[in-house]
Amino acid sequence: MKVWAICGDRWHPAATVRQGLGKLEENGFQFTVTERLEEFDAEQLNDYPIVMVCRSNSQSDKEKEFWMNEKVQQAFEHYVERGGSLLAVHAGTAGYKEAGVFRSLIGGAFVHHPEACTVTIHPDKQHPIAEGIEDFSVHDEHYFMEWEDPIADLIMTTVSEHGAQPGGWTRTYGRGRVCVLTPGHEAEVWTHPTYQKLLRNALYWCAQKGATESNA
């Protein structure tokens, strides 16, 4: 299964995402990683059944403009509406408060985070992505979210000394699927065996396949 991963900004190095994705390639996923904005072409969205957004809506150093402009937002909306799958991980929720179309597409947006701390992830085992996954803790940025979709399905809750937050959810949009996972600032999160399982299950869900079917 081909997956396009868009990552890399001033706060979130693409190398961190690459570490996590490298461990997932053995599960039948082929990743194309784009980390330079000048190499991003929204017309290529339809070439991939799954697109991962792992970068914030920050301004590029060269162009001084936000990458997720109105045209790109509409391209993502049409992509999912027509049957594509979108997986937004950590930074893929940050900087999108004012990006109305994309924010509505993923069902919420990052608001703030305290200093990196111990974050415990409590999966909702009734969700297929979290099935069989036990609680685990990592050192990470604890993302506080504005979660705006009451009919979305919660995957997990993240808890730290600062409180509890929705840590991931899924929703449908048109014929497509959207999944959000908020942990993922540190490399130790991306490479954590249990988080790897969550990522793998999220990709399977986006591909509309179960883990057993995908391994067959």
N, C-alpha and C. Protein backbone atom coordinates (compact mmCIF):
# COMPACT_ATOMS: atom_id res chain seq x y z
N MET A 1 0.85 -1.20 0.00
CA MET A 1 0.00 0.00 0.00
C MET A 1 0.88 1.25 0.00
N LYS A 2 0.65 2.12 -0.98
CA LYS A 2 1.43 3.35 -1.07
C LYS A 2 0.90 4.39 -0.08
N VAL A 3 1.83 5.03 0.63
CA VAL A 3 1.48 6.08 1.60
C VAL A 3 2.38 7.28 1.35
N TRP A 4 1.79 8.45 1.24
CA TRP A 4 2.55 9.69 1.08
C TRP A 4 2.63 10.37 2.44
N ALA A 5 3.84 10.57 2.95
CA ALA A 5 4.05 11.23 4.24
C ALA A 5 4.64 12.61 4.00
N ILE A 6 3.94 13.63 4.49
CA ILE A 6 4.38 15.02 4.36
C ILE A 6 4.83 15.47 5.74
N CYS A 7 6.11 15.81 5.89
CA CYS A 7 6.63 16.07 7.23
C CYS A 7 7.79 17.07 7.15
N GLY A 8 8.25 17.48 8.34
CA GLY A 8 9.41 18.34 8.42
C GLY A 8 9.07 19.81 8.50
N ASP A 9 9.24 20.40 9.68
CA ASP A 9 9.14 21.85 9.85
C ASP A 9 10.16 22.26 10.90
N ARG A 10 10.18 23.53 11.24
CA ARG A 10 11.26 24.04 12.11
C ARG A 10 11.24 23.43 13.50
N TRP A 11 10.09 22.92 13.93
CA TRP A 11 9.99 22.32 15.26
C TRP A 11 9.94 20.80 15.23
N HIS A 12 9.70 20.24 14.07
CA HIS A 12 9.47 18.81 13.96
C HIS A 12 10.31 18.25 12.80
N PRO A 13 11.52 17.79 13.09
CA PRO A 13 12.41 17.30 12.03
C PRO A 13 11.83 16.09 11.30
N ALA A 14 12.01 16.07 9.99
CA ALA A 14 11.54 14.94 9.21
C ALA A 14 12.24 13.65 9.62
N ALA A 15 13.47 13.76 10.13
CA ALA A 15 14.22 12.57 10.53
C ALA A 15 13.49 11.78 11.61
N THR A 16 12.78 12.48 12.48
CA THR A 16 12.02 11.80 13.53
C THR A 16 10.92 10.94 12.93
N VAL A 17 10.19 11.49 11.97
CA VAL A 17 9.12 10.74 11.31
C VAL A 17 9.70 9.58 10.53
N ARG A 18 10.80 9.82 9.86
CA ARG A 18 11.43 8.77 9.06
C ARG A 18 11.83 7.57 9.93
N GLN A 19 12.29 7.83 11.16
CA GLN A 19 12.64 6.73 12.05
C GLN A 19 11.43 5.83 12.30
N GLY A 20 10.30 6.46 12.56
CA GLY A 20 9.08 5.68 12.83
C GLY A 20 8.59 4.94 11.60
N LEU A 21 8.61 5.61 10.44
CA LEU A 21 8.10 4.99 9.23
C LEU A 21 8.99 3.84 8.78
N GLY A 22 10.30 3.96 9.02
CA GLY A 22 11.21 2.92 8.60
C GLY A 22 10.88 1.58 9.23
N LYS A 23 10.36 1.61 10.46
CA LYS A 23 10.00 0.38 11.16
C LYS A 23 8.67 -0.19 10.69
N LEU A 24 7.92 0.59 9.93
CA LEU A 24 6.61 0.14 9.47
C LEU A 24 6.62 -0.43 8.05
N GLU A 25 7.73 -0.25 7.36
CA GLU A 25 7.77 -0.68 5.96
C GLU A 25 7.60 -2.18 5.80
N GLU A 26 7.98 -2.94 6.83
CA GLU A 26 7.87 -4.39 6.73
C GLU A 26 6.42 -4.86 6.80
N ASN A 27 5.50 -3.94 7.07
CA ASN A 27 4.09 -4.29 7.17
C ASN A 27 3.33 -4.06 5.86
N GLY A 28 4.07 -3.96 4.77
CA GLY A 28 3.42 -3.86 3.47
C GLY A 28 3.13 -2.45 3.01
N PHE A 29 3.66 -1.45 3.73
CA PHE A 29 3.44 -0.06 3.34
C PHE A 29 4.69 0.48 2.66
N GLN A 30 4.49 1.21 1.58
CA GLN A 30 5.58 1.84 0.84
C GLN A 30 5.43 3.35 1.00
N PHE A 31 6.38 3.97 1.69
CA PHE A 31 6.28 5.38 2.04
C PHE A 31 7.06 6.26 1.06
N THR A 32 6.40 7.29 0.58
CA THR A 32 7.05 8.38 -0.12
C THR A 32 7.05 9.56 0.83
N VAL A 33 8.23 10.06 1.17
CA VAL A 33 8.34 11.13 2.17
C VAL A 33 8.69 12.44 1.47
N THR A 34 7.88 13.45 1.71
CA THR A 34 8.13 14.79 1.17
C THR A 34 8.36 15.74 2.34
N GLU A 35 9.53 16.35 2.39
CA GLU A 35 9.83 17.27 3.49
C GLU A 35 10.20 18.67 3.01
N ARG A 36 10.32 18.87 1.73
CA ARG A 36 10.61 20.18 1.16
C ARG A 36 9.34 20.72 0.50
N LEU A 37 8.90 21.88 0.94
CA LEU A 37 7.64 22.43 0.44
C LEU A 37 7.66 22.61 -1.07
N GLU A 38 8.81 22.94 -1.63
CA GLU A 38 8.87 23.16 -3.07
C GLU A 38 8.64 21.86 -3.85
N GLU A 39 8.71 20.72 -3.14
CA GLU A 39 8.46 19.44 -3.80
C GLU A 39 7.02 18.96 -3.61
N PHE A 40 6.23 19.72 -2.85
CA PHE A 40 4.85 19.33 -2.62
C PHE A 40 3.98 19.78 -3.78
N ASP A 41 3.19 18.85 -4.30
CA ASP A 41 2.26 19.13 -5.40
C ASP A 41 0.92 18.50 -5.05
N ALA A 42 -0.07 19.33 -4.75
CA ALA A 42 -1.37 18.82 -4.32
C ALA A 42 -2.02 17.93 -5.37
N GLU A 43 -1.64 18.09 -6.62
CA GLU A 43 -2.22 17.25 -7.67
C GLU A 43 -1.80 15.79 -7.54
N GLN A 44 -0.78 15.52 -6.74
CA GLN A 44 -0.32 14.15 -6.54
C GLN A 44 -1.11 13.41 -5.47
N LEU A 45 -2.02 14.09 -4.79
CA LEU A 45 -2.79 13.45 -3.72
C LEU A 45 -3.49 12.19 -4.22
N ASN A 46 -4.07 12.27 -5.38
CA ASN A 46 -4.85 11.14 -5.90
C ASN A 46 -4.00 9.95 -6.30
N ASP A 47 -2.67 10.11 -6.25
CA ASP A 47 -1.77 8.99 -6.56
C ASP A 47 -1.58 8.06 -5.37
N TYR A 48 -2.12 8.46 -4.20
CA TYR A 48 -1.90 7.70 -2.98
C TYR A 48 -3.23 7.41 -2.28
N PRO A 49 -3.46 6.16 -1.87
CA PRO A 49 -4.68 5.84 -1.12
C PRO A 49 -4.67 6.38 0.30
N ILE A 50 -3.46 6.63 0.85
CA ILE A 50 -3.33 7.19 2.19
C ILE A 50 -2.30 8.31 2.16
N VAL A 51 -2.63 9.42 2.80
CA VAL A 51 -1.70 10.53 2.94
C VAL A 51 -1.55 10.85 4.43
N MET A 52 -0.31 10.90 4.90
CA MET A 52 -0.01 11.28 6.27
C MET A 52 0.46 12.73 6.29
N VAL A 53 -0.15 13.55 7.16
CA VAL A 53 0.32 14.92 7.37
C VAL A 53 0.95 14.96 8.76
N CYS A 54 2.26 15.17 8.79
CA CYS A 54 3.02 15.15 10.05
C CYS A 54 3.81 16.44 10.21
N ARG A 55 3.38 17.51 9.57
CA ARG A 55 4.05 18.80 9.70
C ARG A 55 3.01 19.86 10.06
N SER A 56 3.47 20.85 10.79
CA SER A 56 2.58 21.94 11.20
C SER A 56 2.36 22.89 10.04
N ASN A 57 1.36 23.73 10.20
CA ASN A 57 1.08 24.74 9.18
C ASN A 57 1.93 25.97 9.44
N SER A 58 3.25 25.76 9.44
CA SER A 58 4.18 26.86 9.68
C SER A 58 4.59 27.49 8.37
N GLN A 59 5.18 28.64 8.46
CA GLN A 59 5.67 29.32 7.27
C GLN A 59 7.03 28.75 6.87
N SER A 60 7.24 28.64 5.59
CA SER A 60 8.55 28.20 5.12
C SER A 60 9.56 29.33 5.31
N ASP A 61 10.81 28.96 5.53
CA ASP A 61 11.85 29.97 5.73
C ASP A 61 12.06 30.81 4.48
N LYS A 62 11.89 30.18 3.31
CA LYS A 62 12.18 30.88 2.07
C LYS A 62 11.00 31.71 1.58
N GLU A 63 9.82 31.10 1.56
CA GLU A 63 8.68 31.75 0.94
C GLU A 63 7.86 32.61 1.90
N LYS A 64 8.03 32.37 3.21
CA LYS A 64 7.33 33.15 4.22
C LYS A 64 5.81 33.10 4.04
N GLU A 65 5.32 31.92 3.70
CA GLU A 65 3.88 31.76 3.58
C GLU A 65 3.49 30.38 4.11
N PHE A 66 2.24 30.25 4.50
CA PHE A 66 1.76 28.99 5.05
C PHE A 66 1.56 27.98 3.91
N TRP A 67 2.01 26.75 4.15
CA TRP A 67 1.91 25.75 3.08
C TRP A 67 0.46 25.32 2.86
N MET A 68 -0.33 25.30 3.94
CA MET A 68 -1.72 24.86 3.83
C MET A 68 -2.61 26.07 3.50
N ASN A 69 -2.44 26.58 2.29
CA ASN A 69 -3.27 27.71 1.86
C ASN A 69 -4.65 27.22 1.45
N GLU A 70 -5.49 28.12 1.02
CA GLU A 70 -6.87 27.75 0.69
C GLU A 70 -6.94 26.71 -0.42
N LYS A 71 -6.09 26.85 -1.41
CA LYS A 71 -6.10 25.91 -2.53
C LYS A 71 -5.71 24.51 -2.06
N VAL A 72 -4.68 24.42 -1.20
CA VAL A 72 -4.24 23.12 -0.70
C VAL A 72 -5.29 22.51 0.21
N GLN A 73 -5.91 23.33 1.05
CA GLN A 73 -6.98 22.83 1.92
C GLN A 73 -8.11 22.21 1.10
N GLN A 74 -8.51 22.90 0.06
CA GLN A 74 -9.59 22.39 -0.79
C GLN A 74 -9.18 21.10 -1.49
N ALA A 75 -7.90 21.00 -1.85
CA ALA A 75 -7.42 19.79 -2.49
C ALA A 75 -7.51 18.60 -1.54
N PHE A 76 -7.15 18.81 -0.27
CA PHE A 76 -7.26 17.76 0.72
C PHE A 76 -8.72 17.38 0.96
N GLU A 77 -9.58 18.37 1.03
CA GLU A 77 -11.00 18.09 1.24
C GLU A 77 -11.55 17.24 0.10
N HIS A 78 -11.25 17.60 -1.13
CA HIS A 78 -11.74 16.84 -2.29
C HIS A 78 -11.14 15.45 -2.32
N TYR A 79 -9.88 15.33 -1.94
CA TYR A 79 -9.20 14.04 -1.91
C TYR A 79 -9.93 13.07 -0.98
N VAL A 80 -10.23 13.52 0.25
CA VAL A 80 -10.89 12.64 1.21
C VAL A 80 -12.34 12.40 0.81
N GLU A 81 -13.00 13.45 0.38
CA GLU A 81 -14.41 13.34 0.01
C GLU A 81 -14.62 12.29 -1.08
N ARG A 82 -13.64 12.14 -1.95
CA ARG A 82 -13.75 11.20 -3.06
C ARG A 82 -13.21 9.81 -2.73
N GLY A 83 -12.81 9.61 -1.47
CA GLY A 83 -12.42 8.26 -1.07
C GLY A 83 -11.01 8.09 -0.56
N GLY A 84 -10.21 9.16 -0.53
CA GLY A 84 -8.86 9.06 0.02
C GLY A 84 -8.87 9.01 1.53
N SER A 85 -7.76 8.57 2.12
CA SER A 85 -7.65 8.49 3.57
C SER A 85 -6.54 9.42 4.05
N LEU A 86 -6.83 10.14 5.13
CA LEU A 86 -5.90 11.11 5.70
C LEU A 86 -5.57 10.71 7.13
N LEU A 87 -4.27 10.61 7.44
CA LEU A 87 -3.79 10.34 8.79
C LEU A 87 -2.97 11.53 9.25
N ALA A 88 -3.48 12.29 10.22
CA ALA A 88 -2.77 13.45 10.76
C ALA A 88 -2.13 13.05 12.09
N VAL A 89 -0.81 13.19 12.17
CA VAL A 89 -0.08 12.78 13.36
C VAL A 89 0.64 13.98 13.97
N HIS A 90 0.41 14.20 15.26
CA HIS A 90 1.08 15.23 16.07
C HIS A 90 1.09 16.59 15.37
N ALA A 91 2.21 16.96 14.75
CA ALA A 91 2.32 18.28 14.12
C ALA A 91 1.28 18.49 13.04
N GLY A 92 0.71 17.40 12.53
CA GLY A 92 -0.33 17.51 11.52
C GLY A 92 -1.62 18.11 12.03
N THR A 93 -1.66 18.45 13.34
CA THR A 93 -2.81 19.15 13.92
C THR A 93 -2.45 20.56 14.37
N ALA A 94 -1.18 20.95 14.26
CA ALA A 94 -0.69 22.20 14.84
C ALA A 94 -0.64 23.32 13.80
N GLY A 95 -1.10 24.48 14.20
CA GLY A 95 -1.07 25.63 13.31
C GLY A 95 -2.26 25.71 12.37
N TYR A 96 -3.27 24.87 12.62
CA TYR A 96 -4.41 24.81 11.71
C TYR A 96 -5.68 25.43 12.30
N LYS A 97 -5.56 26.16 13.39
CA LYS A 97 -6.75 26.76 14.00
C LYS A 97 -7.45 27.69 13.03
N GLU A 98 -6.68 28.40 12.22
CA GLU A 98 -7.26 29.36 11.28
C GLU A 98 -7.44 28.77 9.88
N ALA A 99 -7.01 27.53 9.70
CA ALA A 99 -7.18 26.86 8.41
C ALA A 99 -8.52 26.13 8.44
N GLY A 100 -9.58 26.87 8.22
CA GLY A 100 -10.93 26.38 8.48
C GLY A 100 -11.31 25.09 7.79
N VAL A 101 -10.96 24.94 6.52
CA VAL A 101 -11.35 23.75 5.77
C VAL A 101 -10.62 22.52 6.31
N PHE A 102 -9.31 22.62 6.48
CA PHE A 102 -8.53 21.48 6.96
C PHE A 102 -8.90 21.17 8.41
N ARG A 103 -9.10 22.18 9.21
CA ARG A 103 -9.50 21.98 10.60
C ARG A 103 -10.82 21.21 10.68
N SER A 104 -11.77 21.59 9.86
CA SER A 104 -13.05 20.88 9.83
C SER A 104 -12.88 19.45 9.32
N LEU A 105 -11.95 19.27 8.39
CA LEU A 105 -11.72 17.96 7.82
C LEU A 105 -11.20 16.97 8.87
N ILE A 106 -10.24 17.42 9.69
CA ILE A 106 -9.68 16.51 10.70
C ILE A 106 -10.48 16.51 12.00
N GLY A 107 -11.41 17.45 12.14
CA GLY A 107 -12.30 17.43 13.29
C GLY A 107 -11.79 18.14 14.53
N GLY A 108 -10.79 19.01 14.38
CA GLY A 108 -10.27 19.74 15.53
C GLY A 108 -8.91 20.33 15.22
N ALA A 109 -8.27 20.88 16.27
CA ALA A 109 -6.97 21.51 16.07
C ALA A 109 -6.22 21.60 17.38
N PHE A 110 -4.90 21.59 17.29
CA PHE A 110 -4.02 21.80 18.43
C PHE A 110 -4.18 23.21 18.98
N VAL A 111 -4.15 23.33 20.32
CA VAL A 111 -4.27 24.65 20.96
C VAL A 111 -2.95 25.05 21.61
N HIS A 112 -2.42 24.19 22.46
CA HIS A 112 -1.15 24.49 23.13
C HIS A 112 -0.62 23.21 23.76
N HIS A 113 0.61 23.28 24.25
CA HIS A 113 1.16 22.16 25.02
C HIS A 113 2.08 22.70 26.11
N PRO A 114 2.13 22.04 27.25
CA PRO A 114 3.10 22.41 28.29
C PRO A 114 4.48 21.89 27.90
N GLU A 115 5.46 22.09 28.77
CA GLU A 115 6.77 21.51 28.53
C GLU A 115 6.65 20.00 28.44
N ALA A 116 7.51 19.40 27.64
CA ALA A 116 7.48 17.95 27.48
C ALA A 116 7.52 17.27 28.84
N CYS A 117 6.74 16.23 28.98
CA CYS A 117 6.58 15.57 30.27
C CYS A 117 6.18 14.11 30.03
N THR A 118 5.93 13.40 31.11
CA THR A 118 5.44 12.03 30.98
C THR A 118 3.97 12.05 30.58
N VAL A 119 3.67 11.42 29.47
CA VAL A 119 2.30 11.34 28.96
C VAL A 119 1.90 9.87 28.92
N THR A 120 0.78 9.56 29.55
CA THR A 120 0.27 8.19 29.53
C THR A 120 -0.87 8.10 28.53
N ILE A 121 -0.79 7.10 27.68
CA ILE A 121 -1.79 6.91 26.63
C ILE A 121 -2.72 5.78 27.04
N HIS A 122 -4.01 6.12 27.13
CA HIS A 122 -5.04 5.16 27.51
C HIS A 122 -5.88 4.83 26.28
N PRO A 123 -5.63 3.71 25.62
CA PRO A 123 -6.41 3.35 24.43
C PRO A 123 -7.84 2.95 24.80
N ASP A 124 -8.77 3.27 23.92
CA ASP A 124 -10.14 2.79 24.03
C ASP A 124 -10.21 1.48 23.27
N LYS A 125 -10.17 0.37 23.98
CA LYS A 125 -10.01 -0.93 23.34
C LYS A 125 -11.22 -1.34 22.50
N GLN A 126 -12.30 -0.57 22.56
CA GLN A 126 -13.45 -0.87 21.71
C GLN A 126 -13.22 -0.40 20.28
N HIS A 127 -12.24 0.47 20.09
CA HIS A 127 -11.93 0.94 18.74
C HIS A 127 -10.97 -0.04 18.08
N PRO A 128 -11.18 -0.37 16.81
CA PRO A 128 -10.31 -1.36 16.15
C PRO A 128 -8.84 -0.96 16.11
N ILE A 129 -8.54 0.34 16.09
CA ILE A 129 -7.14 0.78 16.08
C ILE A 129 -6.46 0.49 17.42
N ALA A 130 -7.24 0.54 18.50
CA ALA A 130 -6.68 0.35 19.84
C ALA A 130 -6.90 -1.05 20.39
N GLU A 131 -7.51 -1.91 19.62
CA GLU A 131 -7.83 -3.25 20.10
C GLU A 131 -6.56 -3.99 20.52
N GLY A 132 -6.57 -4.51 21.72
CA GLY A 132 -5.44 -5.29 22.23
C GLY A 132 -4.26 -4.48 22.69
N ILE A 133 -4.37 -3.17 22.73
CA ILE A 133 -3.26 -2.30 23.13
C ILE A 133 -3.45 -1.85 24.57
N GLU A 134 -2.44 -2.03 25.39
CA GLU A 134 -2.48 -1.66 26.80
C GLU A 134 -1.98 -0.23 26.99
N ASP A 135 -2.29 0.34 28.16
CA ASP A 135 -1.79 1.66 28.50
C ASP A 135 -0.26 1.67 28.44
N PHE A 136 0.30 2.79 28.01
CA PHE A 136 1.76 2.95 28.04
C PHE A 136 2.10 4.43 28.21
N SER A 137 3.32 4.69 28.66
CA SER A 137 3.75 6.07 28.94
C SER A 137 4.99 6.41 28.14
N VAL A 138 5.07 7.67 27.71
CA VAL A 138 6.21 8.17 26.95
C VAL A 138 6.53 9.58 27.41
N HIS A 139 7.73 10.04 27.10
CA HIS A 139 8.10 11.44 27.33
C HIS A 139 7.79 12.19 26.04
N ASP A 140 6.87 13.15 26.11
CA ASP A 140 6.40 13.77 24.88
C ASP A 140 5.78 15.12 25.19
N GLU A 141 5.49 15.88 24.15
CA GLU A 141 4.65 17.07 24.30
C GLU A 141 3.21 16.62 24.45
N HIS A 142 2.55 17.10 25.50
CA HIS A 142 1.15 16.74 25.70
C HIS A 142 0.28 17.76 24.98
N TYR A 143 -0.26 17.37 23.85
CA TYR A 143 -1.06 18.27 23.04
C TYR A 143 -2.45 18.46 23.66
N PHE A 144 -2.82 19.74 23.82
CA PHE A 144 -4.17 20.09 24.22
C PHE A 144 -4.92 20.51 22.96
N MET A 145 -6.11 19.93 22.81
CA MET A 145 -6.82 20.01 21.55
C MET A 145 -8.18 20.69 21.68
N GLU A 146 -8.60 21.31 20.59
CA GLU A 146 -10.00 21.67 20.42
C GLU A 146 -10.61 20.58 19.54
N TRP A 147 -11.40 19.74 20.17
CA TRP A 147 -11.99 18.59 19.48
C TRP A 147 -13.43 18.94 19.17
N GLU A 148 -13.76 19.03 17.89
CA GLU A 148 -15.02 19.65 17.48
C GLU A 148 -16.01 18.70 16.85
N ASP A 149 -15.74 17.40 16.91
CA ASP A 149 -16.62 16.45 16.22
C ASP A 149 -17.19 15.46 17.23
N PRO A 150 -18.36 15.74 17.79
CA PRO A 150 -18.93 14.87 18.82
C PRO A 150 -19.29 13.48 18.32
N ILE A 151 -19.39 13.29 17.02
CA ILE A 151 -19.75 11.96 16.52
C ILE A 151 -18.51 11.18 16.04
N ALA A 152 -17.33 11.78 16.18
CA ALA A 152 -16.10 11.05 15.86
C ALA A 152 -15.89 9.96 16.90
N ASP A 153 -15.14 8.94 16.52
CA ASP A 153 -14.86 7.82 17.42
C ASP A 153 -13.51 8.02 18.10
N LEU A 154 -13.52 8.07 19.41
CA LEU A 154 -12.29 8.29 20.17
C LEU A 154 -11.44 7.03 20.17
N ILE A 155 -10.16 7.18 19.85
CA ILE A 155 -9.22 6.06 19.87
C ILE A 155 -8.56 5.93 21.22
N MET A 156 -8.17 7.08 21.79
CA MET A 156 -7.41 7.04 23.03
C MET A 156 -7.45 8.41 23.72
N THR A 157 -7.13 8.39 25.00
CA THR A 157 -7.03 9.59 25.81
C THR A 157 -5.59 9.72 26.29
N THR A 158 -5.04 10.93 26.26
CA THR A 158 -3.70 11.17 26.77
C THR A 158 -3.80 11.91 28.10
N VAL A 159 -3.00 11.47 29.07
CA VAL A 159 -3.08 12.00 30.43
C VAL A 159 -1.68 12.35 30.93
N SER A 160 -1.55 13.51 31.54
CA SER A 160 -0.30 13.91 32.18
C SER A 160 -0.65 14.67 33.45
N GLU A 161 0.36 15.20 34.12
CA GLU A 161 0.11 16.00 35.31
C GLU A 161 -0.71 17.24 35.01
N HIS A 162 -0.83 17.57 33.72
CA HIS A 162 -1.56 18.77 33.30
C HIS A 162 -3.02 18.50 32.97
N GLY A 163 -3.43 17.24 32.97
CA GLY A 163 -4.82 16.92 32.70
C GLY A 163 -4.97 15.83 31.65
N ALA A 164 -6.20 15.67 31.18
CA ALA A 164 -6.52 14.63 30.19
C ALA A 164 -7.03 15.29 28.91
N GLN A 165 -6.67 14.69 27.78
CA GLN A 165 -7.05 15.22 26.48
C GLN A 165 -7.41 14.09 25.52
N PRO A 166 -8.27 14.37 24.53
CA PRO A 166 -8.47 13.38 23.46
C PRO A 166 -7.16 13.21 22.71
N GLY A 167 -6.65 11.99 22.66
CA GLY A 167 -5.34 11.76 22.06
C GLY A 167 -5.40 11.20 20.65
N GLY A 168 -6.59 10.91 20.17
CA GLY A 168 -6.73 10.38 18.82
C GLY A 168 -8.17 10.03 18.54
N TRP A 169 -8.57 10.16 17.30
CA TRP A 169 -9.94 9.83 16.92
C TRP A 169 -10.00 9.51 15.43
N THR A 170 -11.12 8.95 15.03
CA THR A 170 -11.37 8.68 13.62
C THR A 170 -12.72 9.27 13.23
N ARG A 171 -12.86 9.56 11.97
CA ARG A 171 -14.12 10.06 11.43
C ARG A 171 -14.15 9.76 9.93
N THR A 172 -15.33 9.82 9.38
CA THR A 172 -15.47 9.65 7.94
C THR A 172 -15.88 10.99 7.33
N TYR A 173 -15.54 11.16 6.07
CA TYR A 173 -15.88 12.39 5.36
C TYR A 173 -16.13 12.02 3.91
N GLY A 174 -17.36 12.15 3.47
CA GLY A 174 -17.69 11.69 2.13
C GLY A 174 -17.42 10.20 2.04
N ARG A 175 -16.66 9.79 1.05
CA ARG A 175 -16.31 8.38 0.88
C ARG A 175 -14.97 8.05 1.55
N GLY A 176 -14.34 9.04 2.16
CA GLY A 176 -13.01 8.84 2.72
C GLY A 176 -12.98 8.71 4.23
N ARG A 177 -11.78 8.47 4.74
CA ARG A 177 -11.56 8.27 6.17
C ARG A 177 -10.49 9.23 6.68
N VAL A 178 -10.66 9.66 7.93
CA VAL A 178 -9.71 10.55 8.58
C VAL A 178 -9.36 9.97 9.94
N CYS A 179 -8.07 9.94 10.26
CA CYS A 179 -7.60 9.49 11.57
C CYS A 179 -6.63 10.52 12.12
N VAL A 180 -6.72 10.80 13.41
CA VAL A 180 -5.84 11.75 14.08
C VAL A 180 -5.17 11.07 15.27
N LEU A 181 -3.85 11.22 15.39
CA LEU A 181 -3.10 10.76 16.55
C LEU A 181 -2.25 11.94 17.03
N THR A 182 -2.41 12.37 18.28
CA THR A 182 -1.71 13.58 18.71
C THR A 182 -0.31 13.36 19.28
N PRO A 183 0.05 12.20 19.85
CA PRO A 183 1.43 12.04 20.31
C PRO A 183 2.39 11.96 19.12
N GLY A 184 3.68 12.27 19.38
CA GLY A 184 4.64 12.08 18.31
C GLY A 184 5.68 13.17 18.15
N HIS A 185 6.00 13.91 19.21
CA HIS A 185 7.05 14.92 19.06
C HIS A 185 8.44 14.29 19.14
N GLU A 186 8.59 13.34 20.04
CA GLU A 186 9.90 12.74 20.28
C GLU A 186 10.08 11.47 19.46
N ALA A 187 11.34 11.18 19.08
CA ALA A 187 11.64 9.97 18.33
C ALA A 187 11.29 8.73 19.14
N GLU A 188 11.43 8.81 20.47
CA GLU A 188 11.13 7.65 21.30
C GLU A 188 9.65 7.28 21.23
N VAL A 189 8.80 8.24 20.89
CA VAL A 189 7.38 7.94 20.72
C VAL A 189 7.17 7.19 19.40
N TRP A 190 7.72 7.73 18.33
CA TRP A 190 7.55 7.12 17.01
C TRP A 190 8.10 5.70 16.96
N THR A 191 9.14 5.43 17.74
CA THR A 191 9.76 4.11 17.69
C THR A 191 9.32 3.20 18.84
N HIS A 192 8.48 3.69 19.72
CA HIS A 192 7.98 2.87 20.83
C HIS A 192 7.16 1.71 20.26
N PRO A 193 7.41 0.49 20.68
CA PRO A 193 6.71 -0.66 20.10
C PRO A 193 5.18 -0.55 20.14
N THR A 194 4.64 -0.02 21.23
CA THR A 194 3.18 0.08 21.32
C THR A 194 2.64 1.19 20.43
N TYR A 195 3.37 2.30 20.34
CA TYR A 195 2.93 3.36 19.43
C TYR A 195 3.07 2.92 17.98
N GLN A 196 4.10 2.12 17.71
CA GLN A 196 4.24 1.55 16.37
C GLN A 196 3.00 0.71 16.02
N LYS A 197 2.51 -0.03 16.98
CA LYS A 197 1.32 -0.84 16.73
C LYS A 197 0.11 0.05 16.47
N LEU A 198 0.00 1.16 17.21
CA LEU A 198 -1.09 2.11 16.97
C LEU A 198 -0.99 2.70 15.56
N LEU A 199 0.22 3.09 15.17
CA LEU A 199 0.40 3.64 13.83
C LEU A 199 0.04 2.61 12.75
N ARG A 200 0.51 1.40 12.96
CA ARG A 200 0.23 0.33 11.99
C ARG A 200 -1.28 0.08 11.89
N ASN A 201 -1.93 0.01 13.03
CA ASN A 201 -3.38 -0.21 13.02
C ASN A 201 -4.12 0.97 12.39
N ALA A 202 -3.61 2.18 12.62
CA ALA A 202 -4.24 3.37 12.02
C ALA A 202 -4.13 3.32 10.50
N LEU A 203 -2.97 2.90 10.00
CA LEU A 203 -2.80 2.77 8.56
C LEU A 203 -3.70 1.69 7.99
N TYR A 204 -3.83 0.57 8.71
CA TYR A 204 -4.74 -0.48 8.27
C TYR A 204 -6.17 0.03 8.23
N TRP A 205 -6.55 0.79 9.25
CA TRP A 205 -7.92 1.33 9.30
C TRP A 205 -8.13 2.29 8.12
N CYS A 206 -7.13 3.13 7.86
CA CYS A 206 -7.24 4.05 6.73
C CYS A 206 -7.36 3.30 5.42
N ALA A 207 -6.68 2.15 5.35
CA ALA A 207 -6.74 1.33 4.14
C ALA A 207 -8.00 0.47 4.09
N GLN A 208 -8.82 0.60 5.15
CA GLN A 208 -10.07 -0.16 5.27
C GLN A 208 -9.79 -1.66 5.27
N LYS A 209 -8.71 -2.03 5.98
CA LYS A 209 -8.35 -3.43 6.15
C LYS A 209 -8.05 -3.70 7.62
N GLY A 210 -8.29 -4.91 8.05
CA GLY A 210 -7.92 -5.31 9.39
C GLY A 210 -6.47 -5.75 9.40
N ALA A 211 -5.85 -5.78 10.58
CA ALA A 211 -4.45 -6.16 10.68
C ALA A 211 -4.24 -7.58 10.15
N THR A 212 -5.16 -8.50 10.48
CA THR A 212 -5.00 -9.87 10.03
C THR A 212 -5.07 -9.96 8.52
N GLU A 213 -6.05 -9.25 7.94
CA GLU A 213 -6.21 -9.26 6.48
C GLU A 213 -4.97 -8.68 5.80
N SER A 214 -4.41 -7.58 6.39
CA SER A 214 -3.29 -6.92 5.76
C SER A 214 -2.03 -7.75 5.82
N ASN A 215 -1.94 -8.64 6.80
CA ASN A 215 -0.77 -9.49 6.94
C ASN A 215 -0.91 -10.79 6.16
N ALA A 216 -2.09 -11.01 5.56
CA ALA A 216 -2.31 -12.27 4.85
C ALA A 216 -1.53 -12.32 3.56
